[in-house]
Amino acid sequence: MASDDGYRHEQSDRTLTSVVDEGWELSSPVPGFMPQACYRQRMQGQREQVVQWVFSDGLATVSLFMESLNAETHPREELGFHGGDPHADAASRQATTRGG
């Protein structure tokens, strides 16, 4: 096994949850991808927890990370889609909070 010298070990506070319990839903499914799991966790260096929704088509696994909007860390001009990946943009547009 390779040495882990030079690496920092971090404990994850990841907990299993459900998309319904977190108040999220897809307005339409992403073709070919099925939801696999949903976790609530804190990302390194962040105070707030995020929701990680994991999808798979049997070959690839994709994670969609969702967080509460915070005007301090997300100024209005930075909001938008991450251009260049139409699948990521489609997932971003389709993930909505329940009731809005």
PDB file of N, CA and C in Angstrom:
ATOM      1  N   MET A   1       0.837  -1.174   0.000  1.00  0.00           N
ATOM      2  CA  MET A   1       0.000   0.000   0.000  1.00  0.00           C
ATOM      3  C   MET A   1       0.886   1.242   0.000  1.00  0.00           C
ATOM      4  N   ALA A   2       0.484   2.274  -0.719  1.00  0.00           N
ATOM      5  CA  ALA A   2       1.263   3.502  -0.818  1.00  0.00           C
ATOM      6  C   ALA A   2       1.267   4.253   0.508  1.00  0.00           C
ATOM      7  N   SER A   3       2.333   4.954   0.761  1.00  0.00           N
ATOM      8  CA  SER A   3       2.474   5.736   1.982  1.00  0.00           C
ATOM      9  C   SER A   3       1.540   6.950   1.937  1.00  0.00           C
ATOM     10  N   ASP A   4       1.053   7.356   3.103  1.00  0.00           N
ATOM     11  CA  ASP A   4       0.207   8.544   3.165  1.00  0.00           C
ATOM     12  C   ASP A   4       0.965   9.737   3.752  1.00  0.00           C
ATOM     13  N   ASP A   5       2.301   9.667   3.731  1.00  0.00           N
ATOM     14  CA  ASP A   5       3.124  10.784   4.191  1.00  0.00           C
ATOM     15  C   ASP A   5       2.799  12.021   3.357  1.00  0.00           C
ATOM     16  N   GLY A   6       2.664  13.146   4.032  1.00  0.00           N
ATOM     17  CA  GLY A   6       2.395  14.397   3.321  1.00  0.00           C
ATOM     18  C   GLY A   6       0.917  14.689   3.134  1.00  0.00           C
ATOM     19  N   TYR A   7       0.066  13.760   3.522  1.00  0.00           N
ATOM     20  CA  TYR A   7      -1.378  13.963   3.400  1.00  0.00           C
ATOM     21  C   TYR A   7      -1.971  14.250   4.771  1.00  0.00           C
ATOM     22  N   ARG A   8      -3.056  14.985   4.790  1.00  0.00           N
ATOM     23  CA  ARG A   8      -3.759  15.285   6.032  1.00  0.00           C
ATOM     24  C   ARG A   8      -5.022  14.428   6.078  1.00  0.00           C
ATOM     25  N   HIS A   9      -5.237  13.773   7.186  1.00  0.00           N
ATOM     26  CA  HIS A   9      -6.430  12.945   7.362  1.00  0.00           C
ATOM     27  C   HIS A   9      -7.534  13.787   7.988  1.00  0.00           C
ATOM     28  N   GLU A  10      -8.727  13.724   7.411  1.00  0.00           N
ATOM     29  CA  GLU A  10      -9.863  14.480   7.936  1.00  0.00           C
ATOM     30  C   GLU A  10     -11.026  13.536   8.162  1.00  0.00           C
ATOM     31  N   GLN A  11     -11.735  13.749   9.251  1.00  0.00           N
ATOM     32  CA  GLN A  11     -12.926  12.976   9.541  1.00  0.00           C
ATOM     33  C   GLN A  11     -14.119  13.626   8.856  1.00  0.00           C
ATOM     34  N   SER A  12     -14.947  12.844   8.265  1.00  0.00           N
ATOM     35  CA  SER A  12     -16.155  13.342   7.612  1.00  0.00           C
ATOM     36  C   SER A  12     -17.318  13.269   8.587  1.00  0.00           C
ATOM     37  N   ASP A  13     -18.136  14.296   8.568  1.00  0.00           N
ATOM     38  CA  ASP A  13     -19.337  14.275   9.390  1.00  0.00           C
ATOM     39  C   ASP A  13     -20.555  13.974   8.510  1.00  0.00           C
ATOM     40  N   ARG A  14     -20.328  13.200   7.474  1.00  0.00           N
ATOM     41  CA  ARG A  14     -21.369  12.871   6.500  1.00  0.00           C
ATOM     42  C   ARG A  14     -22.413  11.954   7.127  1.00  0.00           C
ATOM     43  N   THR A  15     -23.677  12.302   6.933  1.00  0.00           N
ATOM     44  CA  THR A  15     -24.767  11.468   7.427  1.00  0.00           C
ATOM     45  C   THR A  15     -25.736  11.181   6.286  1.00  0.00           C
ATOM     46  N   LEU A  16     -26.250   9.971   6.289  1.00  0.00           N
ATOM     47  CA  LEU A  16     -27.223   9.567   5.282  1.00  0.00           C
ATOM     48  C   LEU A  16     -28.539  10.286   5.552  1.00  0.00           C
ATOM     49  N   THR A  17     -29.152  10.800   4.507  1.00  0.00           N
ATOM     50  CA  THR A  17     -30.432  11.492   4.607  1.00  0.00           C
ATOM     51  C   THR A  17     -31.237  11.151   3.360  1.00  0.00           C
ATOM     52  N   SER A  18     -32.347  11.822   3.157  1.00  0.00           N
ATOM     53  CA  SER A  18     -33.114  11.625   1.927  1.00  0.00           C
ATOM     54  C   SER A  18     -33.402  12.984   1.308  1.00  0.00           C
ATOM     55  N   VAL A  19     -33.567  12.988   0.005  1.00  0.00           N
ATOM     56  CA  VAL A  19     -33.845  14.225  -0.712  1.00  0.00           C
ATOM     57  C   VAL A  19     -35.162  14.834  -0.226  1.00  0.00           C
ATOM     58  N   VAL A  20     -36.137  13.994   0.020  1.00  0.00           N
ATOM     59  CA  VAL A  20     -37.432  14.467   0.502  1.00  0.00           C
ATOM     60  C   VAL A  20     -37.271  15.146   1.860  1.00  0.00           C
ATOM     61  N   ASP A  21     -36.509  14.518   2.771  1.00  0.00           N
ATOM     62  CA  ASP A  21     -36.280  15.112   4.088  1.00  0.00           C
ATOM     63  C   ASP A  21     -35.544  16.444   3.997  1.00  0.00           C
ATOM     64  N   GLU A  22     -34.711  16.606   2.973  1.00  0.00           N
ATOM     65  CA  GLU A  22     -33.950  17.841   2.793  1.00  0.00           C
ATOM     66  C   GLU A  22     -34.734  18.900   2.027  1.00  0.00           C
ATOM     67  N   GLY A  23     -35.912  18.526   1.500  1.00  0.00           N
ATOM     68  CA  GLY A  23     -36.763  19.499   0.819  1.00  0.00           C
ATOM     69  C   GLY A  23     -36.432  19.749  -0.640  1.00  0.00           C
ATOM     70  N   TRP A  24     -35.752  18.799  -1.298  1.00  0.00           N
ATOM     71  CA  TRP A  24     -35.382  18.951  -2.708  1.00  0.00           C
ATOM     72  C   TRP A  24     -36.126  17.926  -3.555  1.00  0.00           C
ATOM     73  N   GLU A  25     -36.263  18.248  -4.835  1.00  0.00           N
ATOM     74  CA  GLU A  25     -36.813  17.302  -5.807  1.00  0.00           C
ATOM     75  C   GLU A  25     -36.331  17.710  -7.194  1.00  0.00           C
ATOM     76  N   LEU A  26     -36.365  16.775  -8.131  1.00  0.00           N
ATOM     77  CA  LEU A  26     -36.049  17.085  -9.532  1.00  0.00           C
ATOM     78  C   LEU A  26     -37.353  17.388 -10.242  1.00  0.00           C
ATOM     79  N   SER A  27     -37.370  18.453 -11.021  1.00  0.00           N
ATOM     80  CA  SER A  27     -38.579  18.763 -11.779  1.00  0.00           C
ATOM     81  C   SER A  27     -38.779  17.762 -12.910  1.00  0.00           C
ATOM     82  N   SER A  28     -37.690  17.154 -13.383  1.00  0.00           N
ATOM     83  CA  SER A  28     -37.769  16.055 -14.346  1.00  0.00           C
ATOM     84  C   SER A  28     -36.502  15.215 -14.191  1.00  0.00           C
ATOM     85  N   PRO A  29     -36.591  13.899 -14.396  1.00  0.00           N
ATOM     86  CA  PRO A  29     -35.411  13.040 -14.204  1.00  0.00           C
ATOM     87  C   PRO A  29     -34.331  13.314 -15.243  1.00  0.00           C
ATOM     88  N   VAL A  30     -33.105  12.997 -14.877  1.00  0.00           N
ATOM     89  CA  VAL A  30     -31.982  13.091 -15.810  1.00  0.00           C
ATOM     90  C   VAL A  30     -31.929  11.756 -16.542  1.00  0.00           C
ATOM     91  N   PRO A  31     -32.128  11.745 -17.870  1.00  0.00           N
ATOM     92  CA  PRO A  31     -32.205  10.482 -18.615  1.00  0.00           C
ATOM     93  C   PRO A  31     -31.005   9.569 -18.374  1.00  0.00           C
ATOM     94  N   GLY A  32     -31.311   8.323 -18.014  1.00  0.00           N
ATOM     95  CA  GLY A  32     -30.282   7.304 -17.836  1.00  0.00           C
ATOM     96  C   GLY A  32     -29.678   7.247 -16.442  1.00  0.00           C
ATOM     97  N   PHE A  33     -29.896   8.255 -15.620  1.00  0.00           N
ATOM     98  CA  PHE A  33     -29.295   8.288 -14.289  1.00  0.00           C
ATOM     99  C   PHE A  33     -30.353   8.053 -13.218  1.00  0.00           C
ATOM    100  N   MET A  34     -30.000   7.201 -12.253  1.00  0.00           N
ATOM    101  CA  MET A  34     -30.892   6.880 -11.146  1.00  0.00           C
ATOM    102  C   MET A  34     -30.279   7.388  -9.845  1.00  0.00           C
ATOM    103  N   PRO A  35     -31.109   7.954  -8.959  1.00  0.00           N
ATOM    104  CA  PRO A  35     -30.589   8.378  -7.656  1.00  0.00           C
ATOM    105  C   PRO A  35     -30.068   7.166  -6.881  1.00  0.00           C
ATOM    106  N   GLN A  36     -28.908   7.333  -6.234  1.00  0.00           N
ATOM    107  CA  GLN A  36     -28.288   6.238  -5.486  1.00  0.00           C
ATOM    108  C   GLN A  36     -28.291   6.487  -3.984  1.00  0.00           C
ATOM    109  N   ALA A  37     -27.996   7.720  -3.583  1.00  0.00           N
ATOM    110  CA  ALA A  37     -27.905   8.049  -2.157  1.00  0.00           C
ATOM    111  C   ALA A  37     -27.973   9.557  -1.994  1.00  0.00           C
ATOM    112  N   CYS A  38     -28.203   9.963  -0.761  1.00  0.00           N
ATOM    113  CA  CYS A  38     -28.230  11.379  -0.435  1.00  0.00           C
ATOM    114  C   CYS A  38     -27.576  11.549   0.938  1.00  0.00           C
ATOM    115  N   TYR A  39     -26.653  12.509   1.029  1.00  0.00           N
ATOM    116  CA  TYR A  39     -25.918  12.741   2.274  1.00  0.00           C
ATOM    117  C   TYR A  39     -25.963  14.213   2.647  1.00  0.00           C
ATOM    118  N   ARG A  40     -25.882  14.494   3.920  1.00  0.00           N
ATOM    119  CA  ARG A  40     -25.683  15.849   4.442  1.00  0.00           C
ATOM    120  C   ARG A  40     -24.276  15.847   5.028  1.00  0.00           C
ATOM    121  N   GLN A  41     -23.468  16.849   4.626  1.00  0.00           N
ATOM    122  CA  GLN A  41     -22.077  16.884   5.088  1.00  0.00           C
ATOM    123  C   GLN A  41     -21.523  18.298   5.063  1.00  0.00           C
ATOM    124  N   ARG A  42     -20.447  18.481   5.783  1.00  0.00           N
ATOM    125  CA  ARG A  42     -19.746  19.764   5.807  1.00  0.00           C
ATOM    126  C   ARG A  42     -18.517  19.631   4.907  1.00  0.00           C
ATOM    127  N   MET A  43     -18.378  20.571   3.997  1.00  0.00           N
ATOM    128  CA  MET A  43     -17.210  20.572   3.118  1.00  0.00           C
ATOM    129  C   MET A  43     -16.040  21.220   3.857  1.00  0.00           C
ATOM    130  N   GLN A  44     -14.831  20.819   3.506  1.00  0.00           N
ATOM    131  CA  GLN A  44     -13.630  21.323   4.171  1.00  0.00           C
ATOM    132  C   GLN A  44     -13.606  22.846   4.143  1.00  0.00           C
ATOM    133  N   GLY A  45     -13.416  23.451   5.311  1.00  0.00           N
ATOM    134  CA  GLY A  45     -13.302  24.898   5.405  1.00  0.00           C
ATOM    135  C   GLY A  45     -14.623  25.644   5.416  1.00  0.00           C
ATOM    136  N   GLN A  46     -15.732  24.935   5.390  1.00  0.00           N
ATOM    137  CA  GLN A  46     -17.052  25.576   5.348  1.00  0.00           C
ATOM    138  C   GLN A  46     -17.767  25.412   6.681  1.00  0.00           C
ATOM    139  N   ARG A  47     -18.573  26.409   7.052  1.00  0.00           N
ATOM    140  CA  ARG A  47     -19.361  26.332   8.284  1.00  0.00           C
ATOM    141  C   ARG A  47     -20.673  25.601   8.050  1.00  0.00           C
ATOM    142  N   GLU A  48     -21.312  25.890   6.923  1.00  0.00           N
ATOM    143  CA  GLU A  48     -22.619  25.315   6.630  1.00  0.00           C
ATOM    144  C   GLU A  48     -22.474  23.941   5.983  1.00  0.00           C
ATOM    145  N   GLN A  49     -23.440  23.086   6.249  1.00  0.00           N
ATOM    146  CA  GLN A  49     -23.461  21.776   5.608  1.00  0.00           C
ATOM    147  C   GLN A  49     -24.100  21.877   4.227  1.00  0.00           C
ATOM    148  N   VAL A  50     -23.766  20.932   3.366  1.00  0.00           N
ATOM    149  CA  VAL A  50     -24.354  20.837   2.037  1.00  0.00           C
ATOM    150  C   VAL A  50     -25.032  19.481   1.904  1.00  0.00           C
ATOM    151  N   VAL A  51     -25.900  19.368   0.912  1.00  0.00           N
ATOM    152  CA  VAL A  51     -26.541  18.103   0.588  1.00  0.00           C
ATOM    153  C   VAL A  51     -25.870  17.562  -0.667  1.00  0.00           C
ATOM    154  N   GLN A  52     -25.442  16.305  -0.624  1.00  0.00           N
ATOM    155  CA  GLN A  52     -24.841  15.636  -1.776  1.00  0.00           C
ATOM    156  C   GLN A  52     -25.828  14.584  -2.255  1.00  0.00           C
ATOM    157  N   TRP A  53     -26.285  14.718  -3.496  1.00  0.00           N
ATOM    158  CA  TRP A  53     -27.220  13.774  -4.094  1.00  0.00           C
ATOM    159  C   TRP A  53     -26.435  13.007  -5.154  1.00  0.00           C
ATOM    160  N   VAL A  54     -26.346  11.694  -5.020  1.00  0.00           N
ATOM    161  CA  VAL A  54     -25.511  10.860  -5.881  1.00  0.00           C
ATOM    162  C   VAL A  54     -26.385  10.122  -6.893  1.00  0.00           C
ATOM    163  N   PHE A  55     -26.007  10.219  -8.168  1.00  0.00           N
ATOM    164  CA  PHE A  55     -26.709   9.555  -9.267  1.00  0.00           C
ATOM    165  C   PHE A  55     -25.731   8.639  -9.996  1.00  0.00           C
ATOM    166  N   SER A  56     -26.256   7.572 -10.624  1.00  0.00           N
ATOM    167  CA  SER A  56     -25.416   6.688 -11.427  1.00  0.00           C
ATOM    168  C   SER A  56     -26.208   6.144 -12.609  1.00  0.00           C
ATOM    169  N   ASP A  57     -25.482   5.905 -13.711  1.00  0.00           N
ATOM    170  CA  ASP A  57     -26.081   5.236 -14.866  1.00  0.00           C
ATOM    171  C   ASP A  57     -25.547   3.817 -14.985  1.00  0.00           C
ATOM    172  N   GLY A  58     -24.839   3.344 -13.972  1.00  0.00           N
ATOM    173  CA  GLY A  58     -24.256   2.008 -13.984  1.00  0.00           C
ATOM    174  C   GLY A  58     -22.784   2.014 -14.347  1.00  0.00           C
ATOM    175  N   LEU A  59     -22.330   3.061 -15.026  1.00  0.00           N
ATOM    176  CA  LEU A  59     -20.914   3.195 -15.375  1.00  0.00           C
ATOM    177  C   LEU A  59     -20.297   4.418 -14.701  1.00  0.00           C
ATOM    178  N   ALA A  60     -21.001   5.520 -14.768  1.00  0.00           N
ATOM    179  CA  ALA A  60     -20.512   6.774 -14.187  1.00  0.00           C
ATOM    180  C   ALA A  60     -21.333   7.129 -12.954  1.00  0.00           C
ATOM    181  N   THR A  61     -20.690   7.812 -12.026  1.00  0.00           N
ATOM    182  CA  THR A  61     -21.365   8.321 -10.840  1.00  0.00           C
ATOM    183  C   THR A  61     -21.210   9.833 -10.834  1.00  0.00           C
ATOM    184  N   VAL A  62     -22.309  10.527 -10.603  1.00  0.00           N
ATOM    185  CA  VAL A  62     -22.320  11.988 -10.601  1.00  0.00           C
ATOM    186  C   VAL A  62     -22.886  12.460  -9.271  1.00  0.00           C
ATOM    187  N   SER A  63     -22.231  13.444  -8.665  1.00  0.00           N
ATOM    188  CA  SER A  63     -22.726  14.036  -7.432  1.00  0.00           C
ATOM    189  C   SER A  63     -23.225  15.447  -7.708  1.00  0.00           C
ATOM    190  N   LEU A  64     -24.391  15.748  -7.180  1.00  0.00           N
ATOM    191  CA  LEU A  64     -24.961  17.087  -7.258  1.00  0.00           C
ATOM    192  C   LEU A  64     -24.921  17.643  -5.842  1.00  0.00           C
ATOM    193  N   PHE A  65     -24.186  18.756  -5.644  1.00  0.00           N
ATOM    194  CA  PHE A  65     -24.071  19.363  -4.324  1.00  0.00           C
ATOM    195  C   PHE A  65     -24.995  20.571  -4.255  1.00  0.00           C
ATOM    196  N   MET A  66     -25.798  20.631  -3.187  1.00  0.00           N
ATOM    197  CA  MET A  66     -26.757  21.721  -3.015  1.00  0.00           C
ATOM    198  C   MET A  66     -26.519  22.368  -1.661  1.00  0.00           C
ATOM    199  N   GLU A  67     -26.569  23.683  -1.649  1.00  0.00           N
ATOM    200  CA  GLU A  67     -26.383  24.418  -0.407  1.00  0.00           C
ATOM    201  C   GLU A  67     -27.364  25.579  -0.344  1.00  0.00           C
ATOM    202  N   SER A  68     -27.571  26.072   0.849  1.00  0.00           N
ATOM    203  CA  SER A  68     -28.432  27.235   1.028  1.00  0.00           C
ATOM    204  C   SER A  68     -27.761  28.452   0.413  1.00  0.00           C
ATOM    205  N   LEU A  69     -28.547  29.330  -0.160  1.00  0.00           N
ATOM    206  CA  LEU A  69     -28.022  30.560  -0.738  1.00  0.00           C
ATOM    207  C   LEU A  69     -27.611  31.501   0.387  1.00  0.00           C
ATOM    208  N   ASN A  70     -26.378  31.972   0.326  1.00  0.00           N
ATOM    209  CA  ASN A  70     -25.841  32.893   1.318  1.00  0.00           C
ATOM    210  C   ASN A  70     -25.298  34.098   0.559  1.00  0.00           C
ATOM    211  N   ALA A  71     -25.905  35.265   0.763  1.00  0.00           N
ATOM    212  CA  ALA A  71     -25.515  36.470   0.025  1.00  0.00           C
ATOM    213  C   ALA A  71     -24.060  36.862   0.292  1.00  0.00           C
ATOM    214  N   GLU A  72     -23.525  36.519   1.465  1.00  0.00           N
ATOM    215  CA  GLU A  72     -22.128  36.842   1.782  1.00  0.00           C
ATOM    216  C   GLU A  72     -21.156  36.054   0.914  1.00  0.00           C
ATOM    217  N   THR A  73     -21.438  34.764   0.740  1.00  0.00           N
ATOM    218  CA  THR A  73     -20.505  33.910   0.004  1.00  0.00           C
ATOM    219  C   THR A  73     -20.874  33.738  -1.464  1.00  0.00           C
ATOM    220  N   HIS A  74     -22.070  34.165  -1.844  1.00  0.00           N
ATOM    221  CA  HIS A  74     -22.527  34.037  -3.232  1.00  0.00           C
ATOM    222  C   HIS A  74     -23.092  35.365  -3.739  1.00  0.00           C
ATOM    223  N   PRO A  75     -22.213  36.308  -4.025  1.00  0.00           N
ATOM    224  CA  PRO A  75     -22.707  37.582  -4.553  1.00  0.00           C
ATOM    225  C   PRO A  75     -23.523  37.360  -5.816  1.00  0.00           C
ATOM    226  N   ARG A  76     -24.487  38.217  -6.045  1.00  0.00           N
ATOM    227  CA  ARG A  76     -25.435  38.077  -7.160  1.00  0.00           C
ATOM    228  C   ARG A  76     -24.741  37.843  -8.496  1.00  0.00           C
ATOM    229  N   GLU A  77     -23.664  38.558  -8.779  1.00  0.00           N
ATOM    230  CA  GLU A  77     -23.008  38.423 -10.085  1.00  0.00           C
ATOM    231  C   GLU A  77     -22.352  37.058 -10.290  1.00  0.00           C
ATOM    232  N   GLU A  78     -22.146  36.291  -9.221  1.00  0.00           N
ATOM    233  CA  GLU A  78     -21.524  34.975  -9.358  1.00  0.00           C
ATOM    234  C   GLU A  78     -22.549  33.866  -9.545  1.00  0.00           C
ATOM    235  N   LEU A  79     -23.828  34.168  -9.346  1.00  0.00           N
ATOM    236  CA  LEU A  79     -24.841  33.137  -9.494  1.00  0.00           C
ATOM    237  C   LEU A  79     -25.021  32.797 -10.962  1.00  0.00           C
ATOM    238  N   GLY A  80     -25.293  31.554 -11.266  1.00  0.00           N
ATOM    239  CA  GLY A  80     -25.525  31.157 -12.643  1.00  0.00           C
ATOM    240  C   GLY A  80     -25.057  29.744 -12.876  1.00  0.00           C
ATOM    241  N   PHE A  81     -25.061  29.364 -14.121  1.00  0.00           N
ATOM    242  CA  PHE A  81     -24.677  28.012 -14.479  1.00  0.00           C
ATOM    243  C   PHE A  81     -23.180  27.938 -14.725  1.00  0.00           C
ATOM    244  N   HIS A  82     -22.639  26.746 -14.548  1.00  0.00           N
ATOM    245  CA  HIS A  82     -21.225  26.513 -14.827  1.00  0.00           C
ATOM    246  C   HIS A  82     -21.131  26.082 -16.279  1.00  0.00           C
ATOM    247  N   GLY A  83     -20.952  27.039 -17.174  1.00  0.00           N
ATOM    248  CA  GLY A  83     -20.973  26.791 -18.610  1.00  0.00           C
ATOM    249  C   GLY A  83     -19.981  25.751 -19.060  1.00  0.00           C
ATOM    250  N   GLY A  84     -20.281  25.163 -20.186  1.00  0.00           N
ATOM    251  CA  GLY A  84     -19.375  24.199 -20.776  1.00  0.00           C
ATOM    252  C   GLY A  84     -19.829  22.767 -20.619  1.00  0.00           C
ATOM    253  N   ASP A  85     -20.653  22.483 -19.647  1.00  0.00           N
ATOM    254  CA  ASP A  85     -21.141  21.126 -19.448  1.00  0.00           C
ATOM    255  C   ASP A  85     -22.662  21.150 -19.468  1.00  0.00           C
ATOM    256  N   PRO A  86     -23.276  20.826 -20.619  1.00  0.00           N
ATOM    257  CA  PRO A  86     -24.728  20.911 -20.730  1.00  0.00           C
ATOM    258  C   PRO A  86     -25.458  19.993 -19.766  1.00  0.00           C
ATOM    259  N   HIS A  87     -24.849  18.856 -19.387  1.00  0.00           N
ATOM    260  CA  HIS A  87     -25.504  17.956 -18.443  1.00  0.00           C
ATOM    261  C   HIS A  87     -25.529  18.562 -17.044  1.00  0.00           C
ATOM    262  N   ALA A  88     -24.421  19.204 -16.643  1.00  0.00           N
ATOM    263  CA  ALA A  88     -24.382  19.863 -15.335  1.00  0.00           C
ATOM    264  C   ALA A  88     -25.370  21.022 -15.314  1.00  0.00           C
ATOM    265  N   ASP A  89     -25.430  21.777 -16.423  1.00  0.00           N
ATOM    266  CA  ASP A  89     -26.381  22.884 -16.488  1.00  0.00           C
ATOM    267  C   ASP A  89     -27.811  22.377 -16.392  1.00  0.00           C
ATOM    268  N   ALA A  90     -28.111  21.266 -17.064  1.00  0.00           N
ATOM    269  CA  ALA A  90     -29.463  20.708 -17.014  1.00  0.00           C
ATOM    270  C   ALA A  90     -29.804  20.269 -15.604  1.00  0.00           C
ATOM    271  N   ALA A  91     -28.859  19.623 -14.922  1.00  0.00           N
ATOM    272  CA  ALA A  91     -29.104  19.195 -13.549  1.00  0.00           C
ATOM    273  C   ALA A  91     -29.303  20.402 -12.646  1.00  0.00           C
ATOM    274  N   SER A  92     -28.531  21.470 -12.871  1.00  0.00           N
ATOM    275  CA  SER A  92     -28.654  22.673 -12.062  1.00  0.00           C
ATOM    276  C   SER A  92     -30.034  23.295 -12.244  1.00  0.00           C
ATOM    277  N   ARG A  93     -30.520  23.310 -13.464  1.00  0.00           N
ATOM    278  CA  ARG A  93     -31.823  23.910 -13.729  1.00  0.00           C
ATOM    279  C   ARG A  93     -32.941  23.059 -13.169  1.00  0.00           C
ATOM    280  N   GLN A  94     -32.754  21.735 -13.117  1.00  0.00           N
ATOM    281  CA  GLN A  94     -33.839  20.842 -12.720  1.00  0.00           C
ATOM    282  C   GLN A  94     -33.939  20.656 -11.223  1.00  0.00           C
ATOM    283  N   ALA A  95     -32.884  20.895 -10.474  1.00  0.00           N
ATOM    284  CA  ALA A  95     -32.947  20.718  -9.029  1.00  0.00           C
ATOM    285  C   ALA A  95     -33.581  21.966  -8.427  1.00  0.00           C
ATOM    286  N   THR A  96     -34.710  21.787  -7.826  1.00  0.00           N
ATOM    287  CA  THR A  96     -35.413  22.908  -7.228  1.00  0.00           C
ATOM    288  C   THR A  96     -35.842  22.534  -5.821  1.00  0.00           C
ATOM    289  N   THR A  97     -36.010  23.536  -4.992  1.00  0.00           N
ATOM    290  CA  THR A  97     -36.533  23.245  -3.675  1.00  0.00           C
ATOM    291  C   THR A  97     -38.015  22.970  -3.812  1.00  0.00           C
ATOM    292  N   ARG A  98     -38.539  22.192  -2.923  1.00  0.00           N
ATOM    293  CA  ARG A  98     -39.959  21.870  -2.977  1.00  0.00           C
ATOM    294  C   ARG A  98     -40.755  23.135  -2.777  1.00  0.00           C
ATOM    295  N   GLY A  99     -41.759  23.326  -3.627  1.00  0.00           N
ATOM    296  CA  GLY A  99     -42.620  24.487  -3.529  1.00  0.00           C
ATOM    297  C   GLY A  99     -42.029  25.727  -4.155  1.00  0.00           C
ATOM    298  N   GLY A 100     -40.914  25.596  -4.882  1.00  0.00           N
ATOM    299  CA  GLY A 100     -40.339  26.789  -5.499  1.00  0.00           C
ATOM    300  C   GLY A 100     -39.195  26.424  -6.299  1.00  0.00           C
TER     301      GLY A 100
END
